[in-house]
C-alpha cells in the first residue's frame, strides 16, 4: 500500500476512536447544561447564558443550585442581575412537582440597573420551568409571603 493511504487510514481510525471516547465520556459525565436569562444593561433585551453544573443526587439540590446561581447574577458585565446583590435564597423545597422558593426581603428592592421586580420573578419562574421540565408549579415567596398569586393563575 501507498504510505500516504496508510497515514490517512490511521488518522481516520484515530479520529473515529477519539470521537467514540468523547461521546462515551459525555454520556457518563455528571455535568448538565443550564440556561439563564438576564437582560442587557441599556436596552433591556433578554440574553441567554449557558452554564455547566455537576449533577447533584437530588432534584431539589439541582433546583437550589440553579436559583442560587440566578441570584448571583450574570457572568457577562454587559448584563444586569435580576435581583439586588444582597438577595439570598432563604429556603427551597421541592415536593410533588411543586417548587417553593423563599427569597430574602431585598428581592423587592429595585436594583441599581432599574430592574423590574415583577419581570425578575417571572424570569426566575420561567427559568426553573425551562431547566427542570418535571416541575409542575413554582411558588415564590419573599420573607415567607407568597408573591404574585394573580400571576400564578394568569398562565
Protein backbone atom coordinates (compact mmCIF):
# COMPACT_ATOMS: atom_id res chain seq x y z
CA UNK A 1 0.00 0.00 0.00
CA UNK A 2 0.96 3.59 -0.52
CA UNK A 3 2.42 5.34 2.57
CA UNK A 4 0.03 8.27 2.14
CA UNK A 5 -3.02 5.95 2.17
CA UNK A 6 -1.77 4.28 5.36
CA UNK A 7 -1.33 7.66 7.11
CA UNK A 8 -4.81 8.80 6.11
CA UNK A 9 -6.31 5.50 7.26
CA UNK A 10 -4.53 5.71 10.63
CA UNK A 11 -5.71 9.31 11.09
CA UNK A 12 -9.32 8.38 10.26
CA UNK A 13 -9.25 5.43 12.67
CA UNK A 14 -7.74 7.57 15.45
CA UNK A 15 -10.32 10.30 14.90
CA UNK A 16 -13.10 7.70 14.99
CA UNK A 17 -11.90 6.27 18.33
CA UNK A 18 -11.39 9.76 19.73
CA UNK A 19 -14.98 10.61 18.77
CA UNK A 20 -16.31 7.42 20.37
CA UNK A 21 -14.32 8.14 23.54
CA UNK A 22 -15.62 11.74 23.68
CA UNK A 23 -19.22 10.57 23.21
CA UNK A 24 -18.94 7.95 25.96
CA UNK A 25 -17.26 10.44 28.28
CA UNK A 26 -20.05 12.96 27.63
CA UNK A 27 -22.80 10.40 28.28
CA UNK A 28 -21.19 9.21 31.53
CA UNK A 29 -20.38 12.72 32.69
CA UNK A 30 -22.22 14.13 35.66
CA UNK A 31 -22.44 17.55 34.01
CA UNK A 32 -25.65 19.21 32.92
CA UNK A 33 -26.21 22.37 30.90
CA UNK A 34 -28.41 25.06 32.41
CA UNK A 35 -29.62 28.21 30.70
CA UNK A 36 -30.08 31.55 32.44
CA UNK A 37 -31.87 34.61 31.11
CA UNK A 38 -30.59 38.05 32.04
CA UNK A 39 -31.24 41.46 30.49
CA UNK A 40 -28.80 43.89 28.91
CA UNK A 41 -27.96 46.96 30.96
CA UNK A 42 -29.04 49.60 28.46
CA UNK A 43 -31.54 48.12 26.02
CA UNK A 44 -33.19 45.69 28.42
CA UNK A 45 -33.22 42.89 25.85
CA UNK A 46 -33.07 39.30 27.03
CA UNK A 47 -29.78 37.41 26.68
CA UNK A 48 -29.20 33.75 27.46
CA UNK A 49 -26.17 32.45 29.34
CA UNK A 50 -25.27 28.76 29.35
CA UNK A 51 -23.50 27.19 32.31
CA UNK A 52 -22.43 23.63 33.06
CA UNK A 53 -23.07 22.16 36.51
CA UNK A 54 -22.32 18.89 38.20
CA UNK A 55 -25.50 16.88 38.58
CA UNK A 56 -26.49 16.60 42.24
CA UNK A 57 -28.05 13.43 43.69
CA UNK A 58 -31.45 15.04 44.31
CA UNK A 59 -33.66 17.18 42.09
CA UNK A 60 -34.15 19.62 44.95
CA UNK A 61 -30.39 20.18 45.15
CA UNK A 62 -30.21 20.83 41.40
CA UNK A 63 -33.04 23.36 41.57
CA UNK A 64 -31.49 25.03 44.63
CA UNK A 65 -28.18 25.42 42.77
CA UNK A 66 -29.96 26.94 39.77
CA UNK A 67 -31.82 29.51 41.92
CA UNK A 68 -28.67 30.43 43.84
CA UNK A 69 -26.75 30.91 40.59
CA UNK A 70 -29.57 33.07 39.24
CA UNK A 71 -29.37 35.25 42.34
CA UNK A 72 -25.61 35.61 41.90
CA UNK A 73 -26.24 37.20 38.53
CA UNK A 74 -24.72 37.04 35.08
CA UNK A 75 -21.12 36.28 34.18
CA UNK A 76 -21.08 38.95 31.48
CA UNK A 77 -20.51 42.54 32.65
CA UNK A 78 -22.92 43.78 29.94
CA UNK A 79 -25.86 42.06 31.61
CA UNK A 80 -27.83 43.13 34.67
CA UNK A 81 -28.63 40.99 37.70
CA UNK A 82 -32.27 40.07 38.13
CA UNK A 83 -32.21 40.89 41.84
CA UNK A 84 -30.11 43.17 44.05
CA UNK A 85 -26.78 41.71 45.15
CA UNK A 86 -27.98 41.28 48.76
CA UNK A 87 -30.82 38.92 47.79
CA UNK A 88 -30.44 35.42 49.21
CA UNK A 89 -32.36 32.18 48.95
CA UNK A 90 -33.78 31.66 52.45
CA UNK A 91 -35.22 28.22 51.71
CA UNK A 92 -36.21 25.96 48.87
CA UNK A 93 -38.43 22.92 48.93
CA UNK A 94 -39.42 20.62 46.07
CA UNK A 95 -42.40 18.38 46.79
CA UNK A 96 -44.85 16.61 44.48
CA UNK A 97 -43.76 18.58 41.42
CA UNK A 98 -44.00 21.96 43.13
CA UNK A 99 -41.04 24.23 43.93
CA UNK A 100 -41.40 26.51 46.96
CA UNK A 101 -38.66 29.15 46.98
CA UNK A 102 -38.39 31.82 49.66
CA UNK A 103 -36.17 34.83 48.88
CA UNK A 104 -34.85 37.43 51.31
CA UNK A 105 -36.62 40.78 51.61
CA UNK A 106 -34.06 42.57 49.45
CA UNK A 107 -35.63 40.83 46.42
CA UNK A 108 -38.34 43.51 46.38
CA UNK A 109 -35.88 46.38 46.18
CA UNK A 110 -35.25 47.90 42.80
CA UNK A 111 -31.72 47.05 41.76
CA UNK A 112 -29.25 49.68 40.61
CA UNK A 113 -29.89 48.76 36.99
CA UNK A 114 -33.51 49.83 37.33
CA UNK A 115 -34.79 46.27 37.17
CA UNK A 116 -38.44 45.40 37.44
CA UNK A 117 -39.27 43.11 40.40
CA UNK A 118 -42.20 41.51 38.59
CA UNK A 119 -40.09 40.82 35.50
CA UNK A 120 -37.31 39.34 37.66
CA UNK A 121 -39.72 36.99 39.43
CA UNK A 122 -41.31 35.93 36.15
CA UNK A 123 -37.85 35.29 34.68
CA UNK A 124 -36.86 33.18 37.69
CA UNK A 125 -40.11 31.20 37.48
CA UNK A 126 -39.67 30.63 33.74
CA UNK A 127 -36.03 29.62 34.19
CA UNK A 128 -36.93 26.96 36.75
CA UNK A 129 -39.63 25.56 34.47
CA UNK A 130 -37.38 25.61 31.38
CA UNK A 131 -34.42 23.90 33.04
CA UNK A 132 -36.48 21.41 35.03
CA UNK A 133 -39.40 20.25 32.86
CA UNK A 134 -40.65 17.88 35.56
CA UNK A 135 -41.62 20.88 37.73
CA UNK A 136 -45.39 21.40 37.54
CA UNK A 137 -45.63 24.64 39.54
CA UNK A 138 -43.39 27.26 41.13
CA UNK A 139 -44.45 29.19 44.21
CA UNK A 140 -42.23 32.15 45.04
CA UNK A 141 -42.13 33.78 48.46
CA UNK A 142 -40.37 36.84 49.84
CA UNK A 143 -39.74 36.70 53.58
CA UNK A 144 -42.39 33.98 53.88
CA UNK A 145 -45.12 35.88 51.98
CA UNK A 146 -46.27 34.42 48.69
CA UNK A 147 -45.87 36.84 45.81
CA UNK A 148 -47.96 37.28 42.72
CA UNK A 149 -50.72 34.79 43.36
CA UNK A 150 -52.56 36.50 40.48
CA UNK A 151 -49.54 35.84 38.26
CA UNK A 152 -49.74 32.11 39.03
CA UNK A 153 -53.31 31.89 37.81
CA UNK A 154 -52.83 34.08 34.72
CA UNK A 155 -50.75 31.49 32.82
